[in-house]
Protein backbone atom coordinates (compact mmCIF):
# COMPACT_ATOMS: atom_id res chain seq x y z
CA UNK A 1 105.68 103.86 113.49
CA UNK A 2 104.13 100.45 112.96
CA UNK A 3 105.25 99.50 116.47
CA UNK A 4 103.55 102.57 118.00
CA UNK A 5 100.35 102.53 115.93
CA UNK A 6 99.95 98.81 115.33
CA UNK A 7 99.18 99.39 111.66
CA UNK A 8 100.22 101.47 108.65
CA UNK A 9 97.80 104.24 107.69
CA UNK A 10 96.97 104.22 103.96
CA UNK A 11 94.57 106.12 101.72
CA UNK A 12 92.61 105.48 98.57
CA UNK A 13 93.55 107.82 95.70
CA UNK A 14 90.63 110.19 96.36
CA UNK A 15 91.69 110.54 100.02
CA UNK A 16 95.35 111.42 99.46
CA UNK A 17 95.11 115.17 98.90
CA UNK A 18 92.70 115.98 101.76
CA UNK A 19 94.84 113.97 104.20
CA UNK A 20 98.10 115.49 102.93
CA UNK A 21 96.71 119.02 103.09
CA UNK A 22 95.43 118.47 106.64
CA UNK A 23 98.56 116.82 108.05
CA UNK A 24 101.53 117.60 105.79
CA UNK A 25 100.69 120.96 104.20
CA UNK A 26 103.83 122.67 102.98
CA UNK A 27 106.13 119.76 103.86
CA UNK A 28 108.61 119.05 101.07
CA UNK A 29 110.31 115.77 100.28
CA UNK A 30 107.30 113.47 100.52
CA UNK A 31 106.70 110.48 98.26
CA UNK A 32 103.60 108.41 97.53
CA UNK A 33 103.80 104.65 97.50
CA UNK A 34 101.39 103.06 95.04
CA UNK A 35 100.56 99.70 96.59
CA UNK A 36 98.98 96.62 95.03
CA UNK A 37 96.61 95.48 97.82
CA UNK A 38 96.51 91.94 96.40
CA UNK A 39 100.28 91.66 96.87
CA UNK A 40 100.34 92.85 100.50
CA UNK A 41 101.07 89.90 102.78
CA UNK A 42 99.80 91.52 105.98
CA UNK A 43 96.10 91.92 106.72
CA UNK A 44 94.43 95.04 105.29
CA UNK A 45 91.34 96.37 107.04
CA UNK A 46 89.05 99.15 105.80
CA UNK A 47 88.32 101.18 108.92
CA UNK A 48 86.39 104.35 109.68
CA UNK A 49 88.29 107.36 110.93
CA UNK A 50 86.47 109.22 113.66
CA UNK A 51 82.85 110.16 113.06
CA UNK A 52 83.33 111.00 109.38
CA UNK A 53 82.29 107.56 108.18
CA UNK A 54 85.19 107.74 105.72
CA UNK A 55 86.92 104.36 105.52
CA UNK A 56 90.68 104.10 105.11
CA UNK A 57 92.81 101.03 104.40
CA UNK A 58 95.11 100.08 107.27
CA UNK A 59 97.87 97.50 106.90
CA UNK A 60 98.27 95.40 110.06
CA UNK A 61 101.89 94.39 109.71
CA UNK A 62 104.96 95.34 107.72
CA UNK A 63 104.57 96.38 104.10
CA UNK A 64 106.42 93.95 101.86
CA UNK A 65 108.46 95.84 99.27
CA UNK A 66 107.25 93.73 96.35
CA UNK A 67 103.71 95.12 96.92
CA UNK A 68 104.94 98.63 96.06
CA UNK A 69 104.22 99.23 92.37
CA UNK A 70 105.45 102.80 92.12
CA UNK A 71 107.14 105.52 94.17
CA UNK A 72 105.97 108.99 93.12
CA UNK A 73 107.40 112.36 94.19
CA UNK A 74 104.78 114.29 96.17
CA UNK A 75 105.82 117.91 96.56
CA UNK A 76 103.53 120.73 97.72
CA UNK A 77 102.61 123.54 95.35
CA UNK A 78 103.74 127.14 95.98
CA UNK A 79 100.85 127.69 98.42
CA UNK A 80 101.74 124.54 100.37
CA UNK A 81 98.83 122.43 99.15
CA UNK A 82 99.13 119.15 97.34
CA UNK A 83 97.83 117.93 94.00
CA UNK A 84 97.30 114.33 93.03
CA UNK A 85 99.89 113.16 90.50
CA UNK A 86 98.37 112.78 87.01
CA UNK A 87 98.85 109.00 86.97
CA UNK A 88 96.55 108.65 90.01
CA UNK A 89 93.76 111.03 88.98
CA UNK A 90 91.66 108.41 87.19
CA UNK A 91 91.90 105.78 89.95
CA UNK A 92 89.19 105.21 92.59
């Protein structure tokens, strides 16, 4: 939770599938929130995760609902892996 972590973990489009496969593989009923970073009222920090050097956006505060542009179903495939929804495939 935000209270436990102190921030909300987010991902850029190219990071979604690797994170989902590593943490949520095979878990049904997930959704993706497409967020407009410019509309988020809380501070967003790009921070490295571990030694990978990969930087992830973290929201340091509650996510205001009006910053959510879209809610997309995010179901695993038959083998439990995830695929990026077509509307997100061209985004950075």
